[in-house]
């Protein structure tokens, strides 16, 4: 089995991905809202113009699921490449 050292910038790149994912999805949906004939933004736009609230909600739920999956993948990569970091657990503990 071969081993190799990950560059020290891996953590910064993954933090950048965490920040960029929502902006990329927002940009994609806005571009599809403005001028497109397919995609989630188009589905939201056509459903909204037809007063189909179930269609809008379904498209937003799919968009949320896509964002969650992408964030889980980036978090998994962060855990695998940064095992040396201490685990920070933000549990629901009450403060005194």
PDB file of N, CA and C in Angstrom:
ATOM      1  N   UNK A   1       0.839  -1.180   0.000  1.00  0.00           N
ATOM      2  CA  UNK A   1       0.000   0.000   0.000  1.00  0.00           C
ATOM      3  C   UNK A   1       0.882   1.240   0.000  1.00  0.00           C
ATOM      4  N   UNK A   2       0.589   2.155  -0.863  1.00  0.00           N
ATOM      5  CA  UNK A   2       1.359   3.384  -0.953  1.00  0.00           C
ATOM      6  C   UNK A   2       0.674   4.480  -0.161  1.00  0.00           C
ATOM      7  N   UNK A   3       1.460   5.363   0.377  1.00  0.00           N
ATOM      8  CA  UNK A   3       0.900   6.511   1.089  1.00  0.00           C
ATOM      9  C   UNK A   3       1.527   7.779   0.530  1.00  0.00           C
ATOM     10  N   UNK A   4       0.837   8.861   0.672  1.00  0.00           N
ATOM     11  CA  UNK A   4       1.357  10.130   0.190  1.00  0.00           C
ATOM     12  C   UNK A   4       0.848  11.237   1.091  1.00  0.00           C
ATOM     13  N   UNK A   5       1.523  12.355   1.050  1.00  0.00           N
ATOM     14  CA  UNK A   5       1.167  13.508   1.880  1.00  0.00           C
ATOM     15  C   UNK A   5       0.216  14.409   1.099  1.00  0.00           C
ATOM     16  N   UNK A   6      -0.882  14.762   1.723  1.00  0.00           N
ATOM     17  CA  UNK A   6      -1.801  15.707   1.105  1.00  0.00           C
ATOM     18  C   UNK A   6      -1.235  17.113   1.279  1.00  0.00           C
ATOM     19  N   UNK A   7      -1.399  17.950   0.304  1.00  0.00           N
ATOM     20  CA  UNK A   7      -0.906  19.323   0.456  1.00  0.00           C
ATOM     21  C   UNK A   7      -1.620  20.035   1.599  1.00  0.00           C
ATOM     22  N   UNK A   8      -0.938  21.018   2.123  1.00  0.00           N
ATOM     23  CA  UNK A   8      -1.515  21.749   3.248  1.00  0.00           C
ATOM     24  C   UNK A   8      -2.684  22.628   2.819  1.00  0.00           C
ATOM     25  N   UNK A   9      -2.877  22.818   1.542  1.00  0.00           N
ATOM     26  CA  UNK A   9      -3.969  23.671   1.069  1.00  0.00           C
ATOM     27  C   UNK A   9      -5.295  22.921   0.936  1.00  0.00           C
ATOM     28  N   UNK A  10      -5.293  21.616   1.193  1.00  0.00           N
ATOM     29  CA  UNK A  10      -6.517  20.835   1.037  1.00  0.00           C
ATOM     30  C   UNK A  10      -7.634  21.373   1.917  1.00  0.00           C
ATOM     31  N   UNK A  11      -7.295  21.730   3.131  1.00  0.00           N
ATOM     32  CA  UNK A  11      -8.312  22.260   4.047  1.00  0.00           C
ATOM     33  C   UNK A  11      -8.911  23.558   3.517  1.00  0.00           C
ATOM     34  N   UNK A  12      -8.072  24.430   3.004  1.00  0.00           N
ATOM     35  CA  UNK A  12      -8.565  25.700   2.460  1.00  0.00           C
ATOM     36  C   UNK A  12      -9.432  25.489   1.226  1.00  0.00           C
ATOM     37  N   UNK A  13      -9.060  24.544   0.387  1.00  0.00           N
ATOM     38  CA  UNK A  13      -9.847  24.263  -0.817  1.00  0.00           C
ATOM     39  C   UNK A  13     -11.225  23.733  -0.431  1.00  0.00           C
ATOM     40  N   UNK A  14     -11.281  22.848   0.543  1.00  0.00           N
ATOM     41  CA  UNK A  14     -12.564  22.284   0.964  1.00  0.00           C
ATOM     42  C   UNK A  14     -13.433  23.323   1.663  1.00  0.00           C
ATOM     43  N   UNK A  15     -12.831  24.227   2.405  1.00  0.00           N
ATOM     44  CA  UNK A  15     -13.598  25.322   3.000  1.00  0.00           C
ATOM     45  C   UNK A  15     -14.169  26.212   1.891  1.00  0.00           C
ATOM     46  N   UNK A  16     -13.366  26.452   0.857  1.00  0.00           N
ATOM     47  CA  UNK A  16     -13.853  27.220  -0.285  1.00  0.00           C
ATOM     48  C   UNK A  16     -15.012  26.536  -0.979  1.00  0.00           C
ATOM     49  N   UNK A  17     -14.956  25.202  -1.073  1.00  0.00           N
ATOM     50  CA  UNK A  17     -16.075  24.471  -1.673  1.00  0.00           C
ATOM     51  C   UNK A  17     -17.332  24.592  -0.822  1.00  0.00           C
ATOM     52  N   UNK A  18     -17.168  24.527   0.497  1.00  0.00           N
ATOM     53  CA  UNK A  18     -18.335  24.701   1.376  1.00  0.00           C
ATOM     54  C   UNK A  18     -18.996  26.059   1.145  1.00  0.00           C
ATOM     55  N   UNK A  19     -18.188  27.073   0.932  1.00  0.00           N
ATOM     56  CA  UNK A  19     -18.726  28.418   0.705  1.00  0.00           C
ATOM     57  C   UNK A  19     -19.288  28.554  -0.704  1.00  0.00           C
ATOM     58  N   UNK A  20     -18.653  27.907  -1.680  1.00  0.00           N
ATOM     59  CA  UNK A  20     -19.023  28.098  -3.080  1.00  0.00           C
ATOM     60  C   UNK A  20     -20.267  27.327  -3.495  1.00  0.00           C
ATOM     61  N   UNK A  21     -20.573  26.221  -2.833  1.00  0.00           N
ATOM     62  CA  UNK A  21     -21.710  25.391  -3.242  1.00  0.00           C
ATOM     63  C   UNK A  21     -23.030  26.177  -3.253  1.00  0.00           C
ATOM     64  N   UNK A  22     -23.395  26.882  -2.182  1.00  0.00           N
ATOM     65  CA  UNK A  22     -24.666  27.628  -2.252  1.00  0.00           C
ATOM     66  C   UNK A  22     -24.673  28.708  -3.327  1.00  0.00           C
ATOM     67  N   UNK A  23     -23.544  29.407  -3.482  1.00  0.00           N
ATOM     68  CA  UNK A  23     -23.487  30.458  -4.495  1.00  0.00           C
ATOM     69  C   UNK A  23     -23.584  29.886  -5.908  1.00  0.00           C
ATOM     70  N   UNK A  24     -22.979  28.739  -6.128  1.00  0.00           N
ATOM     71  CA  UNK A  24     -23.058  28.103  -7.442  1.00  0.00           C
ATOM     72  C   UNK A  24     -24.493  27.670  -7.748  1.00  0.00           C
ATOM     73  N   UNK A  25     -25.167  27.105  -6.753  1.00  0.00           N
ATOM     74  CA  UNK A  25     -26.554  26.695  -6.970  1.00  0.00           C
ATOM     75  C   UNK A  25     -27.465  27.897  -7.186  1.00  0.00           C
ATOM     76  N   UNK A  26     -27.233  28.960  -6.441  1.00  0.00           N
ATOM     77  CA  UNK A  26     -28.037  30.175  -6.619  1.00  0.00           C
ATOM     78  C   UNK A  26     -27.806  30.751  -8.015  1.00  0.00           C
ATOM     79  N   UNK A  27     -26.555  30.811  -8.444  1.00  0.00           N
ATOM     80  CA  UNK A  27     -26.253  31.330  -9.782  1.00  0.00           C
ATOM     81  C   UNK A  27     -26.878  30.491 -10.869  1.00  0.00           C
ATOM     82  N   UNK A  28     -26.844  29.173 -10.686  1.00  0.00           N
ATOM     83  CA  UNK A  28     -27.436  28.279 -11.677  1.00  0.00           C
ATOM     84  C   UNK A  28     -28.945  28.476 -11.763  1.00  0.00           C
ATOM     85  N   UNK A  29     -29.592  28.511 -10.631  1.00  0.00           N
ATOM     86  CA  UNK A  29     -31.060  28.667 -10.623  1.00  0.00           C
ATOM     87  C   UNK A  29     -31.453  30.036 -11.179  1.00  0.00           C
ATOM     88  N   UNK A  30     -30.712  31.083 -10.829  1.00  0.00           N
ATOM     89  CA  UNK A  30     -31.044  32.414 -11.352  1.00  0.00           C
ATOM     90  C   UNK A  30     -30.857  32.473 -12.865  1.00  0.00           C
ATOM     91  N   UNK A  31     -29.812  31.838 -13.379  1.00  0.00           N
ATOM     92  CA  UNK A  31     -29.611  31.806 -14.833  1.00  0.00           C
ATOM     93  C   UNK A  31     -30.739  31.044 -15.513  1.00  0.00           C
ATOM     94  N   UNK A  32     -31.182  29.953 -14.898  1.00  0.00           N
ATOM     95  CA  UNK A  32     -32.288  29.195 -15.479  1.00  0.00           C
ATOM     96  C   UNK A  32     -33.605  29.954 -15.371  1.00  0.00           C
ATOM     97  N   UNK A  33     -33.771  30.755 -14.326  1.00  0.00           N
ATOM     98  CA  UNK A  33     -34.982  31.569 -14.206  1.00  0.00           C
ATOM     99  C   UNK A  33     -35.037  32.633 -15.299  1.00  0.00           C
ATOM    100  N   UNK A  34     -33.885  33.202 -15.610  1.00  0.00           N
ATOM    101  CA  UNK A  34     -33.849  34.300 -16.580  1.00  0.00           C
ATOM    102  C   UNK A  34     -34.078  33.800 -17.996  1.00  0.00           C
ATOM    103  N   UNK A  35     -33.309  32.810 -18.417  1.00  0.00           N
ATOM    104  CA  UNK A  35     -33.420  32.386 -19.813  1.00  0.00           C
ATOM    105  C   UNK A  35     -33.022  30.926 -19.953  1.00  0.00           C
ATOM    106  N   UNK A  36     -34.002  30.051 -19.867  1.00  0.00           N
ATOM    107  CA  UNK A  36     -33.734  28.637 -20.045  1.00  0.00           C
ATOM    108  C   UNK A  36     -35.033  27.925 -20.399  1.00  0.00           C
ATOM    109  N   UNK A  37     -34.900  26.746 -20.950  1.00  0.00           N
ATOM    110  CA  UNK A  37     -36.083  25.938 -21.223  1.00  0.00           C
ATOM    111  C   UNK A  37     -35.962  24.558 -20.583  1.00  0.00           C
ATOM    112  N   UNK A  38     -35.054  24.443 -19.612  1.00  0.00           N
ATOM    113  CA  UNK A  38     -34.937  23.208 -18.836  1.00  0.00           C
ATOM    114  C   UNK A  38     -34.216  23.526 -17.529  1.00  0.00           C
ATOM    115  N   UNK A  39     -34.334  22.624 -16.575  1.00  0.00           N
ATOM    116  CA  UNK A  39     -33.646  22.781 -15.302  1.00  0.00           C
ATOM    117  C   UNK A  39     -34.581  23.108 -14.163  1.00  0.00           C
ATOM    118  N   UNK A  40     -34.016  23.169 -12.979  1.00  0.00           N
ATOM    119  CA  UNK A  40     -34.821  23.420 -11.776  1.00  0.00           C
ATOM    120  C   UNK A  40     -35.350  24.848 -11.762  1.00  0.00           C
ATOM    121  N   UNK A  41     -34.528  25.805 -12.181  1.00  0.00           N
ATOM    122  CA  UNK A  41     -34.996  27.194 -12.232  1.00  0.00           C
ATOM    123  C   UNK A  41     -36.154  27.363 -13.198  1.00  0.00           C
ATOM    124  N   UNK A  42     -36.087  26.688 -14.320  1.00  0.00           N
ATOM    125  CA  UNK A  42     -37.191  26.728 -15.286  1.00  0.00           C
ATOM    126  C   UNK A  42     -38.445  26.105 -14.682  1.00  0.00           C
ATOM    127  N   UNK A  43     -38.267  24.990 -13.975  1.00  0.00           N
ATOM    128  CA  UNK A  43     -39.417  24.342 -13.324  1.00  0.00           C
ATOM    129  C   UNK A  43     -40.042  25.255 -12.275  1.00  0.00           C
ATOM    130  N   UNK A  44     -39.216  25.933 -11.503  1.00  0.00           N
ATOM    131  CA  UNK A  44     -39.737  26.873 -10.505  1.00  0.00           C
ATOM    132  C   UNK A  44     -40.490  28.005 -11.196  1.00  0.00           C
ATOM    133  N   UNK A  45     -39.921  28.528 -12.271  1.00  0.00           N
ATOM    134  CA  UNK A  45     -40.545  29.649 -12.979  1.00  0.00           C
ATOM    135  C   UNK A  45     -41.880  29.250 -13.603  1.00  0.00           C
ATOM    136  N   UNK A  46     -41.916  28.126 -14.293  1.00  0.00           N
ATOM    137  CA  UNK A  46     -43.166  27.717 -14.931  1.00  0.00           C
ATOM    138  C   UNK A  46     -44.224  27.327 -13.899  1.00  0.00           C
ATOM    139  N   UNK A  47     -43.801  26.698 -12.829  1.00  0.00           N
ATOM    140  CA  UNK A  47     -44.766  26.341 -11.776  1.00  0.00           C
ATOM    141  C   UNK A  47     -45.318  27.590 -11.100  1.00  0.00           C
ATOM    142  N   UNK A  48     -44.457  28.591 -10.897  1.00  0.00           N
ATOM    143  CA  UNK A  48     -44.916  29.830 -10.261  1.00  0.00           C
ATOM    144  C   UNK A  48     -45.867  30.605 -11.159  1.00  0.00           C
ATOM    145  N   UNK A  49     -45.608  30.624 -12.476  1.00  0.00           N
ATOM    146  CA  UNK A  49     -46.499  31.357 -13.370  1.00  0.00           C
ATOM    147  C   UNK A  49     -47.848  30.657 -13.531  1.00  0.00           C
ATOM    148  N   UNK A  50     -47.887  29.343 -13.282  1.00  0.00           N
ATOM    149  CA  UNK A  50     -49.143  28.600 -13.351  1.00  0.00           C
ATOM    150  C   UNK A  50     -49.801  28.452 -11.981  1.00  0.00           C
ATOM    151  N   UNK A  51     -49.263  29.148 -10.975  1.00  0.00           N
ATOM    152  CA  UNK A  51     -49.768  29.100  -9.598  1.00  0.00           C
ATOM    153  C   UNK A  51     -49.800  27.678  -9.061  1.00  0.00           C
ATOM    154  N   UNK A  52     -48.780  26.907  -9.407  1.00  0.00           N
ATOM    155  CA  UNK A  52     -48.654  25.518  -8.947  1.00  0.00           C
ATOM    156  C   UNK A  52     -47.675  25.498  -7.774  1.00  0.00           C
ATOM    157  N   UNK A  53     -48.222  25.716  -6.580  1.00  0.00           N
ATOM    158  CA  UNK A  53     -47.345  25.794  -5.399  1.00  0.00           C
ATOM    159  C   UNK A  53     -46.701  24.452  -5.075  1.00  0.00           C
ATOM    160  N   UNK A  54     -47.366  23.352  -5.403  1.00  0.00           N
ATOM    161  CA  UNK A  54     -46.775  22.033  -5.165  1.00  0.00           C
ATOM    162  C   UNK A  54     -45.551  21.825  -6.060  1.00  0.00           C
ATOM    163  N   UNK A  55     -45.617  22.292  -7.290  1.00  0.00           N
ATOM    164  CA  UNK A  55     -44.475  22.183  -8.191  1.00  0.00           C
ATOM    165  C   UNK A  55     -43.295  23.024  -7.732  1.00  0.00           C
ATOM    166  N   UNK A  56     -43.589  24.234  -7.250  1.00  0.00           N
ATOM    167  CA  UNK A  56     -42.519  25.099  -6.729  1.00  0.00           C
ATOM    168  C   UNK A  56     -41.881  24.460  -5.507  1.00  0.00           C
ATOM    169  N   UNK A  57     -42.707  23.945  -4.612  1.00  0.00           N
ATOM    170  CA  UNK A  57     -42.190  23.312  -3.398  1.00  0.00           C
ATOM    171  C   UNK A  57     -41.365  22.070  -3.738  1.00  0.00           C
ATOM    172  N   UNK A  58     -41.831  21.289  -4.691  1.00  0.00           N
ATOM    173  CA  UNK A  58     -41.091  20.090  -5.088  1.00  0.00           C
ATOM    174  C   UNK A  58     -39.730  20.462  -5.681  1.00  0.00           C
ATOM    175  N   UNK A  59     -39.696  21.489  -6.512  1.00  0.00           N
ATOM    176  CA  UNK A  59     -38.426  21.916  -7.097  1.00  0.00           C
ATOM    177  C   UNK A  59     -37.483  22.452  -6.028  1.00  0.00           C
ATOM    178  N   UNK A  60     -38.003  23.184  -5.061  1.00  0.00           N
ATOM    179  CA  UNK A  60     -37.169  23.690  -3.976  1.00  0.00           C
ATOM    180  C   UNK A  60     -36.656  22.563  -3.086  1.00  0.00           C
ATOM    181  N   UNK A  61     -37.473  21.535  -2.876  1.00  0.00           N
ATOM    182  CA  UNK A  61     -37.018  20.388  -2.095  1.00  0.00           C
ATOM    183  C   UNK A  61     -35.912  19.625  -2.827  1.00  0.00           C
ATOM    184  N   UNK A  62     -36.040  19.482  -4.135  1.00  0.00           N
ATOM    185  CA  UNK A  62     -34.984  18.834  -4.919  1.00  0.00           C
ATOM    186  C   UNK A  62     -33.707  19.664  -4.864  1.00  0.00           C
ATOM    187  N   UNK A  63     -33.837  20.969  -4.967  1.00  0.00           N
ATOM    188  CA  UNK A  63     -32.676  21.850  -4.877  1.00  0.00           C
ATOM    189  C   UNK A  63     -32.016  21.751  -3.504  1.00  0.00           C
ATOM    190  N   UNK A  64     -32.805  21.667  -2.457  1.00  0.00           N
ATOM    191  CA  UNK A  64     -32.274  21.495  -1.106  1.00  0.00           C
ATOM    192  C   UNK A  64     -31.564  20.154  -0.963  1.00  0.00           C
ATOM    193  N   UNK A  65     -32.138  19.105  -1.540  1.00  0.00           N
ATOM    194  CA  UNK A  65     -31.504  17.783  -1.479  1.00  0.00           C
ATOM    195  C   UNK A  65     -30.162  17.785  -2.216  1.00  0.00           C
ATOM    196  N   UNK A  66     -30.106  18.460  -3.350  1.00  0.00           N
ATOM    197  CA  UNK A  66     -28.843  18.545  -4.098  1.00  0.00           C
ATOM    198  C   UNK A  66     -27.789  19.266  -3.265  1.00  0.00           C
ATOM    199  N   UNK A  67     -28.176  20.375  -2.640  1.00  0.00           N
ATOM    200  CA  UNK A  67     -27.235  21.124  -1.806  1.00  0.00           C
ATOM    201  C   UNK A  67     -26.764  20.285  -0.620  1.00  0.00           C
ATOM    202  N   UNK A  68     -27.682  19.548  -0.001  1.00  0.00           N
ATOM    203  CA  UNK A  68     -27.307  18.699   1.135  1.00  0.00           C
ATOM    204  C   UNK A  68     -26.347  17.593   0.720  1.00  0.00           C
ATOM    205  N   UNK A  69     -26.602  16.968  -0.415  1.00  0.00           N
ATOM    206  CA  UNK A  69     -25.718  15.896  -0.888  1.00  0.00           C
ATOM    207  C   UNK A  69     -24.326  16.445  -1.187  1.00  0.00           C
ATOM    208  N   UNK A  70     -24.258  17.595  -1.842  1.00  0.00           N
ATOM    209  CA  UNK A  70     -22.962  18.186  -2.134  1.00  0.00           C
ATOM    210  C   UNK A  70     -22.214  18.552  -0.861  1.00  0.00           C
ATOM    211  N   UNK A  71     -22.912  19.086   0.139  1.00  0.00           N
ATOM    212  CA  UNK A  71     -22.264  19.421   1.401  1.00  0.00           C
ATOM    213  C   UNK A  71     -21.807  18.182   2.153  1.00  0.00           C
ATOM    214  N   UNK A  72     -22.571  17.102   2.088  1.00  0.00           N
ATOM    215  CA  UNK A  72     -22.156  15.853   2.735  1.00  0.00           C
ATOM    216  C   UNK A  72     -20.903  15.300   2.062  1.00  0.00           C
ATOM    217  N   UNK A  73     -20.843  15.378   0.739  1.00  0.00           N
ATOM    218  CA  UNK A  73     -19.659  14.886   0.021  1.00  0.00           C
ATOM    219  C   UNK A  73     -18.424  15.697   0.400  1.00  0.00           C
ATOM    220  N   UNK A  74     -18.559  17.024   0.453  1.00  0.00           N
ATOM    221  CA  UNK A  74     -17.423  17.867   0.817  1.00  0.00           C
ATOM    222  C   UNK A  74     -17.026  17.629   2.274  1.00  0.00           C
ATOM    223  N   UNK A  75     -17.992  17.444   3.162  1.00  0.00           N
ATOM    224  CA  UNK A  75     -17.676  17.153   4.563  1.00  0.00           C
ATOM    225  C   UNK A  75     -16.962  15.818   4.697  1.00  0.00           C
ATOM    226  N   UNK A  76     -17.390  14.832   3.923  1.00  0.00           N
ATOM    227  CA  UNK A  76     -16.731  13.526   3.959  1.00  0.00           C
ATOM    228  C   UNK A  76     -15.283  13.647   3.477  1.00  0.00           C
ATOM    229  N   UNK A  77     -15.077  14.382   2.388  1.00  0.00           N
ATOM    230  CA  UNK A  77     -13.717  14.594   1.900  1.00  0.00           C
ATOM    231  C   UNK A  77     -12.869  15.338   2.927  1.00  0.00           C
ATOM    232  N   UNK A  78     -13.474  16.287   3.616  1.00  0.00           N
ATOM    233  CA  UNK A  78     -12.753  17.035   4.638  1.00  0.00           C
ATOM    234  C   UNK A  78     -12.345  16.126   5.793  1.00  0.00           C
ATOM    235  N   UNK A  79     -13.248  15.244   6.210  1.00  0.00           N
ATOM    236  CA  UNK A  79     -12.905  14.309   7.287  1.00  0.00           C
ATOM    237  C   UNK A  79     -11.823  13.331   6.866  1.00  0.00           C
ATOM    238  N   UNK A  80     -11.867  12.880   5.627  1.00  0.00           N
ATOM    239  CA  UNK A  80     -10.883  11.903   5.163  1.00  0.00           C
ATOM    240  C   UNK A  80      -9.496  12.514   4.966  1.00  0.00           C
ATOM    241  N   UNK A  81      -9.442  13.765   4.554  1.00  0.00           N
ATOM    242  CA  UNK A  81      -8.147  14.387   4.292  1.00  0.00           C
ATOM    243  C   UNK A  81      -7.596  15.144   5.485  1.00  0.00           C
ATOM    244  N   UNK A  82      -8.398  15.370   6.501  1.00  0.00           N
ATOM    245  CA  UNK A  82      -7.946  16.151   7.658  1.00  0.00           C
ATOM    246  C   UNK A  82      -8.163  15.368   8.946  1.00  0.00           C
ATOM    247  N   UNK A  83      -7.637  14.191   9.004  1.00  0.00           N
ATOM    248  CA  UNK A  83      -7.797  13.377  10.208  1.00  0.00           C
ATOM    249  C   UNK A  83      -7.027  13.931  11.381  1.00  0.00           C
ATOM    250  N   UNK A  84      -6.089  14.793  11.136  1.00  0.00           N
ATOM    251  CA  UNK A  84      -5.279  15.353  12.205  1.00  0.00           C
ATOM    252  C   UNK A  84      -6.028  16.433  12.978  1.00  0.00           C
ATOM    253  N   UNK A  85      -7.112  16.959  12.425  1.00  0.00           N
ATOM    254  CA  UNK A  85      -7.867  17.995  13.121  1.00  0.00           C
ATOM    255  C   UNK A  85      -8.610  17.402  14.298  1.00  0.00           C
ATOM    256  N   UNK A  86      -8.771  18.198  15.330  1.00  0.00           N
ATOM    257  CA  UNK A  86      -9.590  17.743  16.451  1.00  0.00           C
ATOM    258  C   UNK A  86     -11.053  17.905  16.077  1.00  0.00           C
ATOM    259  N   UNK A  87     -11.857  16.988  16.529  1.00  0.00           N
ATOM    260  CA  UNK A  87     -13.279  17.011  16.206  1.00  0.00           C
ATOM    261  C   UNK A  87     -13.975  18.075  17.044  1.00  0.00           C
ATOM    262  N   UNK A  88     -14.718  18.951  16.384  1.00  0.00           N
ATOM    263  CA  UNK A  88     -15.489  19.968  17.073  1.00  0.00           C
ATOM    264  C   UNK A  88     -16.938  19.542  17.009  1.00  0.00           C
ATOM    265  N   UNK A  89     -17.512  19.289  18.160  1.00  0.00           N
ATOM    266  CA  UNK A  89     -18.890  18.831  18.230  1.00  0.00           C
ATOM    267  C   UNK A  89     -19.747  19.938  18.804  1.00  0.00           C
ATOM    268  N   UNK A  90     -20.635  20.463  17.994  1.00  0.00           N
ATOM    269  CA  UNK A  90     -21.535  21.522  18.442  1.00  0.00           C
ATOM    270  C   UNK A  90     -22.881  20.898  18.797  1.00  0.00           C
ATOM    271  N   UNK A  91     -22.913  20.244  19.904  1.00  0.00           N
ATOM    272  CA  UNK A  91     -24.143  19.581  20.311  1.00  0.00           C
ATOM    273  C   UNK A  91     -25.102  20.592  20.941  1.00  0.00           C
ATOM    274  N   UNK A  92     -26.272  20.114  21.243  1.00  0.00           N
ATOM    275  CA  UNK A  92     -27.310  20.995  21.797  1.00  0.00           C
ATOM    276  C   UNK A  92     -27.239  21.018  23.320  1.00  0.00           C
ATOM    277  N   UNK A  93     -26.142  21.449  23.847  1.00  0.00           N
ATOM    278  CA  UNK A  93     -25.999  21.560  25.288  1.00  0.00           C
ATOM    279  C   UNK A  93     -26.467  22.930  25.727  1.00  0.00           C
ATOM    280  N   UNK A  94     -27.102  22.964  26.869  1.00  0.00           N
ATOM    281  CA  UNK A  94     -27.559  24.250  27.391  1.00  0.00           C
ATOM    282  C   UNK A  94     -26.420  24.929  28.122  1.00  0.00           C
ATOM    283  N   UNK A  95     -26.347  26.196  27.959  1.00  0.00           N
ATOM    284  CA  UNK A  95     -25.312  26.984  28.628  1.00  0.00           C
ATOM    285  C   UNK A  95     -25.783  27.332  30.030  1.00  0.00           C
ATOM    286  N   UNK A  96     -24.876  27.381  31.001  1.00  0.00           N
ATOM    287  CA  UNK A  96     -25.292  27.717  32.376  1.00  0.00           C
ATOM    288  C   UNK A  96     -25.713  29.155  32.496  1.00  0.00           C
TER     289      UNK A  96
END
